Amino acid sequence: YNFAGAKDIINAYGEFVAAIADIPATRLLGRAPDGMNSSGESQQADWRKLIAARQTLELGPCLDRIDVYMVQSALGRAEPKASYAFAPLDVESDKERAERFVKQMEAAEKLAGMNAMPERAFNRGVQSLMVAEGYLPELEAALNDIPDDERFGIAPDMPDDGEGGDQNLPGTGGAIGSAPPARLAANDATPRPLYVHRKLLNGADLVAWAKSQGFETTLDASDMHVTILYSRNPVDPMAMGETWTSDPDGGLLIKAGGPRALERFGEGAVVLQFASWSLQSRHNEMVQAGASHDYPEYLPHVTISYEAPDGFDIETVKPYAGELRFGPEVFEPLDLDWKAKITEA
């Protein structure tokens, strides 16, 4: 007898069985994957997807039927909210877990800026996500020791002997980050009409651009800023919270490029409009906390001049596309006579 080809026949049979059983040959036969630089991970991933699909489509419906009786037999009572979850088919690496955490937090950050749900519900959802994923050990136990009003952002977390505004005012849901950014705040928490803005730190670049485009005069570079809030309604400054989307020093950088437009506002003001999710969400957050806004919508912009030349056609000017560097938030009492103090050069 000659057994020279027996190994090939057995291998061919094993691959046939693996195909029929929908199990990767590397797993069924315990052999190394074929091909150069092949790890076999793609076959393993396909196998895990198959098992997960069978768990959901075949095993799940059967468990749903039997659990009605099994749960009642085990607990002695019906439990309509009882649920189950299949054990994971694979173990996440530290890198994969970190990447998933980053993506979830980025999604939560964007969702927070949409103001699509009450703050209490959003805070509860984020906390439930952190607990369910097990990102912070002992988080659930620590949160259970905190009163609900403080835990879900209804009352600010302040020292018992601290001075501040009404603690029943809505909070901001907390900051995300290692340390609060720098901010210039009002002197106390007495409700008052409030003005919040950021100084444009590279105003000289915008002035130089404006002069090159035909503006005879502009606001002084040191006066250029972006308004975040102009509230005639008296509000507690402390209830406005703090921003958590700026740089560690409290500044904010609008990168070069992106949507820009030159527009005329009010009585002759020419402004540079730009898109900023950070400023938009911060403004919405303050309005949600009780501040007012005089216009139908908030449009982040920097005023260039109130004295544009006669016949100056902004439609022919390409908007300034350079970066805009803003300082930290500045909180001030609202000055209704601000326009009388404007000077141009």
C-alpha atoms as a PDB file:
ATOM      1  CA  TYR A   1       0.000   0.000   0.000  1.00  0.00           C
ATOM      2  CA  ASN A   2       1.083   3.593  -0.679  1.00  0.00           C
ATOM      3  CA  PHE A   3      -0.091   6.286   1.779  1.00  0.00           C
ATOM      4  CA  ALA A   4       1.772   9.180   0.130  1.00  0.00           C
ATOM      5  CA  GLY A   5      -1.435  11.108  -0.703  1.00  0.00           C
ATOM      6  CA  ALA A   6      -3.393  10.245   2.439  1.00  0.00           C
ATOM      7  CA  LYS A   7      -2.556  13.521   4.191  1.00  0.00           C
ATOM      8  CA  ASP A   8      -3.884  15.581   1.293  1.00  0.00           C
ATOM      9  CA  ILE A   9      -7.092  13.545   1.199  1.00  0.00           C
ATOM     10  CA  ILE A  10      -7.638  14.015   4.956  1.00  0.00           C
ATOM     11  CA  ASN A  11      -6.975  17.763   4.700  1.00  0.00           C
ATOM     12  CA  ALA A  12      -9.390  18.084   1.776  1.00  0.00           C
ATOM     13  CA  TYR A  13     -12.031  16.186   3.747  1.00  0.00           C
ATOM     14  CA  GLY A  14     -11.450  18.400   6.802  1.00  0.00           C
ATOM     15  CA  GLU A  15     -11.889  21.568   4.725  1.00  0.00           C
ATOM     16  CA  PHE A  16     -15.093  20.097   3.264  1.00  0.00           C
ATOM     17  CA  VAL A  17     -16.443  19.445   6.775  1.00  0.00           C
ATOM     18  CA  ALA A  18     -15.455  22.964   7.878  1.00  0.00           C
ATOM     19  CA  ALA A  19     -17.332  24.471   4.939  1.00  0.00           C
ATOM     20  CA  ILE A  20     -20.456  22.424   5.644  1.00  0.00           C
ATOM     21  CA  ALA A  21     -20.355  23.315   9.366  1.00  0.00           C
ATOM     22  CA  ASP A  22     -19.637  27.012   8.726  1.00  0.00           C
ATOM     23  CA  ILE A  23     -16.605  26.818  11.063  1.00  0.00           C
ATOM     24  CA  PRO A  24     -13.225  28.242   9.995  1.00  0.00           C
ATOM     25  CA  ALA A  25     -10.777  25.465   9.144  1.00  0.00           C
ATOM     26  CA  THR A  26      -8.185  27.141  11.370  1.00  0.00           C
ATOM     27  CA  ARG A  27     -10.520  26.680  14.351  1.00  0.00           C
ATOM     28  CA  LEU A  28     -11.939  23.257  13.443  1.00  0.00           C
ATOM     29  CA  LEU A  29      -8.634  21.667  12.470  1.00  0.00           C
ATOM     30  CA  GLY A  30      -6.434  23.670  14.820  1.00  0.00           C
ATOM     31  CA  ARG A  31      -3.983  24.646  12.125  1.00  0.00           C
ATOM     32  CA  ALA A  32      -2.224  27.849  11.104  1.00  0.00           C
ATOM     33  CA  PRO A  33      -3.965  30.038   8.499  1.00  0.00           C
ATOM     34  CA  ASP A  34      -2.880  29.690   4.878  1.00  0.00           C
ATOM     35  CA  GLY A  35      -1.336  32.514   2.888  1.00  0.00           C
ATOM     36  CA  MET A  36       1.417  35.045   3.503  1.00  0.00           C
ATOM     37  CA  ASN A  37       0.808  37.545   6.322  1.00  0.00           C
ATOM     38  CA  SER A  38      -2.499  35.861   7.080  1.00  0.00           C
ATOM     39  CA  SER A  39      -3.578  35.891  10.733  1.00  0.00           C
ATOM     40  CA  GLY A  40      -6.888  34.126  10.244  1.00  0.00           C
ATOM     41  CA  GLU A  41      -8.673  37.026  11.997  1.00  0.00           C
ATOM     42  CA  SER A  42     -11.018  37.667   9.069  1.00  0.00           C
ATOM     43  CA  GLN A  43     -12.260  34.051   9.192  1.00  0.00           C
ATOM     44  CA  GLN A  44     -12.644  34.268  12.969  1.00  0.00           C
ATOM     45  CA  ALA A  45     -14.602  37.516  12.650  1.00  0.00           C
ATOM     46  CA  ASP A  46     -16.947  35.938  10.092  1.00  0.00           C
ATOM     47  CA  TRP A  47     -17.457  32.971  12.403  1.00  0.00           C
ATOM     48  CA  ARG A  48     -18.291  35.254  15.362  1.00  0.00           C
ATOM     49  CA  LYS A  49     -20.819  37.130  13.211  1.00  0.00           C
ATOM     50  CA  LEU A  50     -22.434  33.832  12.235  1.00  0.00           C
ATOM     51  CA  ILE A  51     -22.713  32.694  15.856  1.00  0.00           C
ATOM     52  CA  ALA A  52     -24.122  36.091  16.929  1.00  0.00           C
ATOM     53  CA  ALA A  53     -26.719  35.912  14.143  1.00  0.00           C
ATOM     54  CA  ARG A  54     -27.770  32.427  15.200  1.00  0.00           C
ATOM     55  CA  GLN A  55     -28.002  33.526  18.819  1.00  0.00           C
ATOM     56  CA  THR A  56     -30.301  36.401  17.846  1.00  0.00           C
ATOM     57  CA  LEU A  57     -32.413  34.715  15.161  1.00  0.00           C
ATOM     58  CA  GLU A  58     -32.562  31.092  16.334  1.00  0.00           C
ATOM     59  CA  LEU A  59     -31.698  30.771  20.013  1.00  0.00           C
ATOM     60  CA  GLY A  60     -33.189  34.103  21.162  1.00  0.00           C
ATOM     61  CA  PRO A  61     -36.829  33.370  20.198  1.00  0.00           C
ATOM     62  CA  CYS A  62     -36.631  29.977  21.957  1.00  0.00           C
ATOM     63  CA  LEU A  63     -35.263  31.562  25.149  1.00  0.00           C
ATOM     64  CA  ASP A  64     -37.961  34.239  25.059  1.00  0.00           C
ATOM     65  CA  ARG A  65     -40.615  31.496  25.209  1.00  0.00           C
ATOM     66  CA  ILE A  66     -39.040  29.407  27.939  1.00  0.00           C
ATOM     67  CA  ASP A  67     -37.864  32.321  30.114  1.00  0.00           C
ATOM     68  CA  VAL A  68     -41.474  33.231  30.890  1.00  0.00           C
ATOM     69  CA  TYR A  69     -41.673  29.997  32.898  1.00  0.00           C
ATOM     70  CA  MET A  70     -38.047  29.641  33.984  1.00  0.00           C
ATOM     71  CA  VAL A  71     -37.837  33.098  35.577  1.00  0.00           C
ATOM     72  CA  GLN A  72     -41.146  32.691  37.383  1.00  0.00           C
ATOM     73  CA  SER A  73     -40.049  29.268  38.659  1.00  0.00           C
ATOM     74  CA  ALA A  74     -36.695  30.606  39.870  1.00  0.00           C
ATOM     75  CA  LEU A  75     -37.966  33.814  41.514  1.00  0.00           C
ATOM     76  CA  GLY A  76     -41.430  32.697  42.565  1.00  0.00           C
ATOM     77  CA  ARG A  77     -43.001  35.597  40.719  1.00  0.00           C
ATOM     78  CA  ALA A  78     -43.275  37.025  37.220  1.00  0.00           C
ATOM     79  CA  GLU A  79     -40.590  39.558  36.251  1.00  0.00           C
ATOM     80  CA  PRO A  80     -41.695  41.360  33.047  1.00  0.00           C
ATOM     81  CA  LYS A  81     -38.510  43.473  32.950  1.00  0.00           C
ATOM     82  CA  ALA A  82     -36.129  40.525  33.178  1.00  0.00           C
ATOM     83  CA  SER A  83     -33.614  40.395  30.357  1.00  0.00           C
ATOM     84  CA  TYR A  84     -30.562  38.424  29.302  1.00  0.00           C
ATOM     85  CA  ALA A  85     -27.408  38.917  27.272  1.00  0.00           C
ATOM     86  CA  PHE A  86     -25.206  36.377  25.549  1.00  0.00           C
ATOM     87  CA  ALA A  87     -21.610  36.122  26.684  1.00  0.00           C
ATOM     88  CA  PRO A  88     -19.190  37.918  24.358  1.00  0.00           C
ATOM     89  CA  LEU A  89     -17.656  35.758  21.648  1.00  0.00           C
ATOM     90  CA  ASP A  90     -14.367  37.604  21.816  1.00  0.00           C
ATOM     91  CA  VAL A  91     -12.343  39.603  24.354  1.00  0.00           C
ATOM     92  CA  GLU A  92     -11.668  43.253  23.470  1.00  0.00           C
ATOM     93  CA  SER A  93      -8.071  44.394  23.506  1.00  0.00           C
ATOM     94  CA  ASP A  94      -7.163  47.469  25.563  1.00  0.00           C
ATOM     95  CA  LYS A  95      -6.700  49.413  22.326  1.00  0.00           C
ATOM     96  CA  GLU A  96     -10.129  48.444  20.964  1.00  0.00           C
ATOM     97  CA  ARG A  97     -11.788  49.296  24.282  1.00  0.00           C
ATOM     98  CA  ALA A  98     -10.069  52.701  24.392  1.00  0.00           C
ATOM     99  CA  GLU A  99     -11.094  53.470  20.800  1.00  0.00           C
ATOM    100  CA  ARG A 100     -14.705  52.533  21.549  1.00  0.00           C
ATOM    101  CA  PHE A 101     -14.707  54.763  24.630  1.00  0.00           C
ATOM    102  CA  VAL A 102     -13.392  57.723  22.607  1.00  0.00           C
ATOM    103  CA  LYS A 103     -16.058  57.267  19.925  1.00  0.00           C
ATOM    104  CA  GLN A 104     -18.843  57.011  22.510  1.00  0.00           C
ATOM    105  CA  MET A 105     -17.693  60.150  24.319  1.00  0.00           C
ATOM    106  CA  GLU A 106     -17.398  62.100  21.037  1.00  0.00           C
ATOM    107  CA  ALA A 107     -20.961  61.079  20.173  1.00  0.00           C
ATOM    108  CA  ALA A 108     -22.170  62.088  23.655  1.00  0.00           C
ATOM    109  CA  GLU A 109     -20.408  65.460  23.334  1.00  0.00           C
ATOM    110  CA  LYS A 110     -22.117  66.200  20.010  1.00  0.00           C
ATOM    111  CA  LEU A 111     -25.465  65.049  21.365  1.00  0.00           C
ATOM    112  CA  ALA A 112     -25.080  67.381  24.350  1.00  0.00           C
ATOM    113  CA  GLY A 113     -24.660  70.346  22.002  1.00  0.00           C
ATOM    114  CA  MET A 114     -27.883  69.572  20.148  1.00  0.00           C
ATOM    115  CA  ASN A 115     -30.069  70.217  23.236  1.00  0.00           C
ATOM    116  CA  ALA A 116     -32.359  67.506  21.897  1.00  0.00           C
ATOM    117  CA  MET A 117     -33.420  66.213  25.319  1.00  0.00           C
ATOM    118  CA  PRO A 118     -33.793  67.472  28.894  1.00  0.00           C
ATOM    119  CA  GLU A 119     -30.483  67.824  30.699  1.00  0.00           C
ATOM    120  CA  ARG A 120     -31.544  65.470  33.504  1.00  0.00           C
ATOM    121  CA  ALA A 121     -32.367  62.695  31.020  1.00  0.00           C
ATOM    122  CA  PHE A 122     -29.092  63.202  29.153  1.00  0.00           C
ATOM    123  CA  ASN A 123     -27.001  63.111  32.338  1.00  0.00           C
ATOM    124  CA  ARG A 124     -28.755  59.957  33.461  1.00  0.00           C
ATOM    125  CA  GLY A 125     -28.150  58.319  30.094  1.00  0.00           C
ATOM    126  CA  VAL A 126     -24.427  59.136  30.096  1.00  0.00           C
ATOM    127  CA  GLN A 127     -24.035  57.873  33.649  1.00  0.00           C
ATOM    128  CA  SER A 128     -25.854  54.642  32.755  1.00  0.00           C
ATOM    129  CA  LEU A 129     -23.529  54.187  29.770  1.00  0.00           C
ATOM    130  CA  MET A 130     -20.438  54.640  31.940  1.00  0.00           C
ATOM    131  CA  VAL A 131     -21.750  52.161  34.525  1.00  0.00           C
ATOM    132  CA  ALA A 132     -22.872  49.569  31.940  1.00  0.00           C
ATOM    133  CA  GLU A 133     -19.527  49.701  30.138  1.00  0.00           C
ATOM    134  CA  GLY A 134     -17.582  49.567  33.408  1.00  0.00           C
ATOM    135  CA  TYR A 135     -15.275  52.410  32.414  1.00  0.00           C
ATOM    136  CA  LEU A 136     -14.896  53.829  35.946  1.00  0.00           C
ATOM    137  CA  PRO A 137     -14.708  51.329  38.827  1.00  0.00           C
ATOM    138  CA  GLU A 138     -17.030  52.094  41.754  1.00  0.00           C
ATOM    139  CA  LEU A 139     -18.806  54.827  39.768  1.00  0.00           C
ATOM    140  CA  GLU A 140     -22.276  53.426  40.435  1.00  0.00           C
ATOM    141  CA  ALA A 141     -21.664  53.160  44.169  1.00  0.00           C
ATOM    142  CA  ALA A 142     -20.323  56.710  44.289  1.00  0.00           C
ATOM    143  CA  LEU A 143     -23.293  58.083  42.336  1.00  0.00           C
ATOM    144  CA  ASN A 144     -25.784  56.274  44.571  1.00  0.00           C
ATOM    145  CA  ASP A 145     -24.447  58.246  47.550  1.00  0.00           C
ATOM    146  CA  ILE A 146     -25.320  61.573  45.861  1.00  0.00           C
ATOM    147  CA  PRO A 147     -28.835  63.087  46.020  1.00  0.00           C
ATOM    148  CA  ASP A 148     -30.670  62.846  42.682  1.00  0.00           C
ATOM    149  CA  ASP A 149     -30.896  66.624  42.243  1.00  0.00           C
ATOM    150  CA  GLU A 150     -27.123  66.925  42.426  1.00  0.00           C
ATOM    151  CA  ARG A 151     -26.386  63.675  40.605  1.00  0.00           C
ATOM    152  CA  PHE A 152     -28.390  64.539  37.504  1.00  0.00           C
ATOM    153  CA  GLY A 153     -27.481  68.233  37.319  1.00  0.00           C
ATOM    154  CA  ILE A 154     -30.527  69.886  38.869  1.00  0.00           C
ATOM    155  CA  ALA A 155     -28.522  71.576  41.646  1.00  0.00           C
ATOM    156  CA  PRO A 156     -24.870  72.566  41.328  1.00  0.00           C
ATOM    157  CA  ASP A 157     -22.271  70.786  43.428  1.00  0.00           C
ATOM    158  CA  MET A 158     -21.195  73.613  45.746  1.00  0.00           C
ATOM    159  CA  PRO A 159     -19.768  73.700  49.294  1.00  0.00           C
ATOM    160  CA  ASP A 160     -22.394  74.066  52.014  1.00  0.00           C
ATOM    161  CA  ASP A 161     -20.879  77.342  53.191  1.00  0.00           C
ATOM    162  CA  GLY A 162     -20.302  78.786  49.721  1.00  0.00           C
ATOM    163  CA  GLU A 163     -22.067  81.818  48.403  1.00  0.00           C
ATOM    164  CA  GLY A 164     -23.915  81.554  45.118  1.00  0.00           C
ATOM    165  CA  GLY A 165     -27.152  81.911  43.273  1.00  0.00           C
ATOM    166  CA  ASP A 166     -30.299  79.863  43.423  1.00  0.00           C
ATOM    167  CA  GLN A 167     -29.319  76.185  43.521  1.00  0.00           C
ATOM    168  CA  ASN A 168     -32.625  75.217  41.949  1.00  0.00           C
ATOM    169  CA  LEU A 169     -31.575  76.720  38.651  1.00  0.00           C
ATOM    170  CA  PRO A 170     -30.582  74.193  35.972  1.00  0.00           C
ATOM    171  CA  GLY A 171     -26.907  73.264  35.910  1.00  0.00           C
ATOM    172  CA  THR A 172     -24.727  72.465  32.963  1.00  0.00           C
ATOM    173  CA  GLY A 173     -24.349  68.770  33.558  1.00  0.00           C
ATOM    174  CA  GLY A 174     -20.717  68.957  34.593  1.00  0.00           C
ATOM    175  CA  ALA A 175     -17.510  69.425  32.716  1.00  0.00           C
ATOM    176  CA  ILE A 176     -15.623  66.762  30.805  1.00  0.00           C
ATOM    177  CA  GLY A 177     -11.890  67.024  31.117  1.00  0.00           C
ATOM    178  CA  SER A 178      -9.050  66.989  33.614  1.00  0.00           C
ATOM    179  CA  ALA A 179      -9.337  70.568  34.865  1.00  0.00           C
ATOM    180  CA  PRO A 180     -11.749  73.482  34.352  1.00  0.00           C
ATOM    181  CA  PRO A 181     -10.573  75.958  31.715  1.00  0.00           C
ATOM    182  CA  ALA A 182      -9.671  79.510  32.614  1.00  0.00           C
ATOM    183  CA  ARG A 183     -12.575  81.963  32.710  1.00  0.00           C
ATOM    184  CA  LEU A 184     -13.128  85.543  33.799  1.00  0.00           C
ATOM    185  CA  ALA A 185     -16.326  85.523  35.839  1.00  0.00           C
ATOM    186  CA  ALA A 186     -18.662  88.165  37.219  1.00  0.00           C
ATOM    187  CA  ASN A 187     -17.947  89.228  40.802  1.00  0.00           C
ATOM    188  CA  ASP A 188     -20.948  87.554  42.382  1.00  0.00           C
ATOM    189  CA  ALA A 189     -24.022  85.504  41.575  1.00  0.00           C
ATOM    190  CA  THR A 190     -26.658  88.250  41.792  1.00  0.00           C
ATOM    191  CA  PRO A 191     -29.078  87.867  38.845  1.00  0.00           C
ATOM    192  CA  ARG A 192     -28.388  90.608  36.287  1.00  0.00           C
ATOM    193  CA  PRO A 193     -28.536  91.252  32.537  1.00  0.00           C
ATOM    194  CA  LEU A 194     -25.486  89.437  31.260  1.00  0.00           C
ATOM    195  CA  TYR A 195     -22.983  89.778  28.410  1.00  0.00           C
ATOM    196  CA  VAL A 196     -20.541  86.957  27.609  1.00  0.00           C
ATOM    197  CA  HIS A 197     -17.881  87.165  24.899  1.00  0.00           C
ATOM    198  CA  ARG A 198     -14.422  86.042  23.829  1.00  0.00           C
ATOM    199  CA  LYS A 199     -11.720  88.483  22.708  1.00  0.00           C
ATOM    200  CA  LEU A 200     -10.187  87.882  19.277  1.00  0.00           C
ATOM    201  CA  LEU A 201      -6.486  87.480  20.035  1.00  0.00           C
ATOM    202  CA  ASN A 202      -5.289  87.771  16.439  1.00  0.00           C
ATOM    203  CA  GLY A 203      -7.474  90.756  15.561  1.00  0.00           C
ATOM    204  CA  ALA A 204      -4.517  92.433  13.824  1.00  0.00           C
ATOM    205  CA  ASP A 205      -4.636  89.737  11.127  1.00  0.00           C
ATOM    206  CA  LEU A 206      -8.308  90.461  10.478  1.00  0.00           C
ATOM    207  CA  VAL A 207      -7.715  94.227  10.426  1.00  0.00           C
ATOM    208  CA  ALA A 208      -4.890  93.837   7.897  1.00  0.00           C
ATOM    209  CA  TRP A 209      -7.090  91.686   5.706  1.00  0.00           C
ATOM    210  CA  ALA A 210      -9.991  94.173   5.921  1.00  0.00           C
ATOM    211  CA  LYS A 211      -7.782  97.121   4.960  1.00  0.00           C
ATOM    212  CA  SER A 212      -6.486  95.152   1.963  1.00  0.00           C
ATOM    213  CA  GLN A 213     -10.086  94.589   0.844  1.00  0.00           C
ATOM    214  CA  GLY A 214     -10.996  98.286   0.826  1.00  0.00           C
ATOM    215  CA  PHE A 215     -12.281  98.976   4.335  1.00  0.00           C
ATOM    216  CA  GLU A 216     -11.227 102.531   5.179  1.00  0.00           C
ATOM    217  CA  THR A 217     -11.748 102.052   8.922  1.00  0.00           C
ATOM    218  CA  THR A 218     -12.267  99.067  11.195  1.00  0.00           C
ATOM    219  CA  LEU A 219     -12.754  98.417  14.867  1.00  0.00           C
ATOM    220  CA  ASP A 220      -9.517  98.416  16.799  1.00  0.00           C
ATOM    221  CA  ALA A 221      -7.985  94.929  16.895  1.00  0.00           C
ATOM    222  CA  SER A 222      -8.218  94.921  20.707  1.00  0.00           C
ATOM    223  CA  ASP A 223     -12.000  95.537  20.498  1.00  0.00           C
ATOM    224  CA  MET A 224     -12.760  92.648  18.140  1.00  0.00           C
ATOM    225  CA  HIS A 225     -14.581  89.743  19.764  1.00  0.00           C
ATOM    226  CA  VAL A 226     -17.282  87.131  19.321  1.00  0.00           C
ATOM    227  CA  THR A 227     -20.447  87.474  21.378  1.00  0.00           C
ATOM    228  CA  ILE A 228     -21.680  84.310  23.050  1.00  0.00           C
ATOM    229  CA  LEU A 229     -24.577  85.766  25.040  1.00  0.00           C
ATOM    230  CA  TYR A 230     -26.432  89.096  25.108  1.00  0.00           C
ATOM    231  CA  SER A 231     -29.145  88.564  27.696  1.00  0.00           C
ATOM    232  CA  ARG A 232     -31.474  91.384  28.732  1.00  0.00           C
ATOM    233  CA  ASN A 233     -33.097  88.910  31.121  1.00  0.00           C
ATOM    234  CA  PRO A 234     -31.428  89.020  34.558  1.00  0.00           C
ATOM    235  CA  VAL A 235     -29.700  85.687  35.109  1.00  0.00           C
ATOM    236  CA  ASP A 236     -27.434  84.181  37.732  1.00  0.00           C
ATOM    237  CA  PRO A 237     -23.947  84.065  36.127  1.00  0.00           C
ATOM    238  CA  MET A 238     -23.090  80.949  38.147  1.00  0.00           C
ATOM    239  CA  ALA A 239     -26.023  79.100  36.567  1.00  0.00           C
ATOM    240  CA  MET A 240     -24.395  79.557  33.148  1.00  0.00           C
ATOM    241  CA  GLY A 241     -21.760  76.996  34.103  1.00  0.00           C
ATOM    242  CA  GLU A 242     -18.457  76.758  32.290  1.00  0.00           C
ATOM    243  CA  THR A 243     -17.341  75.682  28.872  1.00  0.00           C
ATOM    244  CA  TRP A 244     -15.662  72.301  28.445  1.00  0.00           C
ATOM    245  CA  THR A 245     -14.806  72.424  24.746  1.00  0.00           C
ATOM    246  CA  SER A 246     -12.000  74.985  24.802  1.00  0.00           C
ATOM    247  CA  ASP A 247      -8.231  74.707  25.177  1.00  0.00           C
ATOM    248  CA  PRO A 248      -6.649  74.122  28.619  1.00  0.00           C
ATOM    249  CA  ASP A 249      -5.976  77.867  28.928  1.00  0.00           C
ATOM    250  CA  GLY A 250      -9.616  78.664  28.192  1.00  0.00           C
ATOM    251  CA  GLY A 251      -8.990  79.783  24.614  1.00  0.00           C
ATOM    252  CA  LEU A 252     -10.783  78.634  21.497  1.00  0.00           C
ATOM    253  CA  LEU A 253      -9.265  78.100  18.056  1.00  0.00           C
ATOM    254  CA  ILE A 254     -11.329  78.273  14.873  1.00  0.00           C
ATOM    255  CA  LYS A 255      -9.159  76.592  12.278  1.00  0.00           C
ATOM    256  CA  ALA A 256      -8.474  78.202   8.909  1.00  0.00           C
ATOM    257  CA  GLY A 257     -11.021  77.494   6.215  1.00  0.00           C
ATOM    258  CA  GLY A 258     -14.537  76.204   6.669  1.00  0.00           C
ATOM    259  CA  PRO A 259     -17.810  78.076   6.116  1.00  0.00           C
ATOM    260  CA  ARG A 260     -17.288  81.867   6.172  1.00  0.00           C
ATOM    261  CA  ALA A 261     -19.455  84.784   4.999  1.00  0.00           C
ATOM    262  CA  LEU A 262     -19.485  88.586   5.044  1.00  0.00           C
ATOM    263  CA  GLU A 263     -22.862  90.007   6.063  1.00  0.00           C
ATOM    264  CA  ARG A 264     -24.434  93.324   7.020  1.00  0.00           C
ATOM    265  CA  PHE A 265     -26.070  93.384  10.442  1.00  0.00           C
ATOM    266  CA  GLY A 266     -28.342  96.017  11.913  1.00  0.00           C
ATOM    267  CA  GLU A 267     -27.317  99.637  11.314  1.00  0.00           C
ATOM    268  CA  GLY A 268     -24.418  99.273   8.909  1.00  0.00           C
ATOM    269  CA  ALA A 269     -22.327  96.696  10.728  1.00  0.00           C
ATOM    270  CA  VAL A 270     -20.244  94.461   8.470  1.00  0.00           C
ATOM    271  CA  VAL A 271     -19.424  91.166  10.156  1.00  0.00           C
ATOM    272  CA  LEU A 272     -17.475  88.010   9.426  1.00  0.00           C
ATOM    273  CA  GLN A 273     -19.679  84.989  10.050  1.00  0.00           C
ATOM    274  CA  PHE A 274     -18.143  81.576  10.699  1.00  0.00           C
ATOM    275  CA  ALA A 275     -19.281  78.157  11.799  1.00  0.00           C
ATOM    276  CA  SER A 276     -18.486  76.944  15.325  1.00  0.00           C
ATOM    277  CA  TRP A 277     -20.268  74.080  16.993  1.00  0.00           C
ATOM    278  CA  SER A 278     -18.559  74.958  20.297  1.00  0.00           C
ATOM    279  CA  LEU A 279     -19.901  78.532  20.350  1.00  0.00           C
ATOM    280  CA  GLN A 280     -23.325  77.496  19.095  1.00  0.00           C
ATOM    281  CA  SER A 281     -23.758  74.812  21.745  1.00  0.00           C
ATOM    282  CA  ARG A 282     -22.421  77.103  24.492  1.00  0.00           C
ATOM    283  CA  HIS A 283     -24.958  79.795  23.553  1.00  0.00           C
ATOM    284  CA  ASN A 284     -27.787  77.243  23.481  1.00  0.00           C
ATOM    285  CA  GLU A 285     -26.700  75.947  26.877  1.00  0.00           C
ATOM    286  CA  MET A 286     -26.937  79.437  28.405  1.00  0.00           C
ATOM    287  CA  VAL A 287     -30.349  80.133  26.862  1.00  0.00           C
ATOM    288  CA  GLN A 288     -31.559  76.790  28.175  1.00  0.00           C
ATOM    289  CA  ALA A 289     -30.357  77.861  31.635  1.00  0.00           C
ATOM    290  CA  GLY A 290     -32.632  80.924  31.558  1.00  0.00           C
ATOM    291  CA  ALA A 291     -30.842  83.605  29.503  1.00  0.00           C
ATOM    292  CA  SER A 292     -32.571  85.526  26.702  1.00  0.00           C
ATOM    293  CA  HIS A 293     -31.580  86.245  23.101  1.00  0.00           C
ATOM    294  CA  ASP A 294     -32.865  89.151  20.999  1.00  0.00           C
ATOM    295  CA  TYR A 295     -32.683  87.424  17.606  1.00  0.00           C
ATOM    296  CA  PRO A 296     -34.415  84.382  16.078  1.00  0.00           C
ATOM    297  CA  GLU A 297     -31.117  82.496  15.857  1.00  0.00           C
ATOM    298  CA  TYR A 298     -27.542  82.747  17.065  1.00  0.00           C
ATOM    299  CA  LEU A 299     -24.835  83.248  14.408  1.00  0.00           C
ATOM    300  CA  PRO A 300     -21.202  83.349  15.595  1.00  0.00           C
ATOM    301  CA  HIS A 301     -19.520  86.408  14.064  1.00  0.00           C
ATOM    302  CA  VAL A 302     -16.864  89.076  14.527  1.00  0.00           C
ATOM    303  CA  THR A 303     -17.801  92.674  13.699  1.00  0.00           C
ATOM    304  CA  ILE A 304     -15.269  94.298  11.370  1.00  0.00           C
ATOM    305  CA  SER A 305     -16.685  97.790  10.929  1.00  0.00           C
ATOM    306  CA  TYR A 306     -19.753  99.979  11.451  1.00  0.00           C
ATOM    307  CA  GLU A 307     -18.599 102.447   8.776  1.00  0.00           C
ATOM    308  CA  ALA A 308     -18.219 100.537   5.532  1.00  0.00           C
ATOM    309  CA  PRO A 309     -17.522 102.815   2.543  1.00  0.00           C
ATOM    310  CA  ASP A 310     -20.502 103.957   0.463  1.00  0.00           C
ATOM    311  CA  GLY A 311     -21.093 101.568  -2.390  1.00  0.00           C
ATOM    312  CA  PHE A 312     -18.930  98.897  -0.812  1.00  0.00           C
ATOM    313  CA  ASP A 313     -20.158  95.587  -2.255  1.00  0.00           C
ATOM    314  CA  ILE A 314     -19.501  92.769   0.172  1.00  0.00           C
ATOM    315  CA  GLU A 315     -20.606  90.251  -2.458  1.00  0.00           C
ATOM    316  CA  THR A 316     -17.391  90.870  -4.368  1.00  0.00           C
ATOM    317  CA  VAL A 317     -15.153  90.246  -1.350  1.00  0.00           C
ATOM    318  CA  LYS A 318     -13.854  86.790  -0.530  1.00  0.00           C
ATOM    319  CA  PRO A 319     -14.298  86.314   3.262  1.00  0.00           C
ATOM    320  CA  TYR A 320     -11.272  86.104   5.521  1.00  0.00           C
ATOM    321  CA  ALA A 321     -10.291  82.422   5.662  1.00  0.00           C
ATOM    322  CA  GLY A 322      -7.444  82.471   8.201  1.00  0.00           C
ATOM    323  CA  GLU A 323      -7.599  81.016  11.676  1.00  0.00           C
ATOM    324  CA  LEU A 324      -9.400  82.863  14.467  1.00  0.00           C
ATOM    325  CA  ARG A 325      -7.856  82.605  17.938  1.00  0.00           C
ATOM    326  CA  PHE A 326     -10.135  83.586  20.816  1.00  0.00           C
ATOM    327  CA  GLY A 327      -9.328  84.091  24.493  1.00  0.00           C
ATOM    328  CA  PRO A 328     -11.284  82.726  27.467  1.00  0.00           C
ATOM    329  CA  GLU A 329     -14.903  83.582  28.156  1.00  0.00           C
ATOM    330  CA  VAL A 330     -15.457  87.004  29.720  1.00  0.00           C
ATOM    331  CA  PHE A 331     -18.601  87.538  31.843  1.00  0.00           C
ATOM    332  CA  GLU A 332     -19.749  91.159  32.225  1.00  0.00           C
ATOM    333  CA  PRO A 333     -22.914  93.022  33.247  1.00  0.00           C
ATOM    334  CA  LEU A 334     -24.804  94.005  30.098  1.00  0.00           C
ATOM    335  CA  ASP A 335     -24.010  97.546  28.907  1.00  0.00           C
ATOM    336  CA  LEU A 336     -27.000  98.852  26.921  1.00  0.00           C
ATOM    337  CA  ASP A 337     -24.998 101.939  25.902  1.00  0.00           C
ATOM    338  CA  TRP A 338     -22.195  99.921  24.278  1.00  0.00           C
ATOM    339  CA  LYS A 339     -22.584 101.429  20.811  1.00  0.00           C
ATOM    340  CA  ALA A 340     -21.766 104.953  21.986  1.00  0.00           C
ATOM    341  CA  LYS A 341     -18.335 103.751  23.051  1.00  0.00           C
ATOM    342  CA  ILE A 342     -17.311 102.304  19.679  1.00  0.00           C
ATOM    343  CA  THR A 343     -14.371 103.893  17.881  1.00  0.00           C
ATOM    344  CA  GLU A 344     -12.780 102.986  14.562  1.00  0.00           C
ATOM    345  CA  ALA A 345      -9.413 103.661  13.040  1.00  0.00           C
END
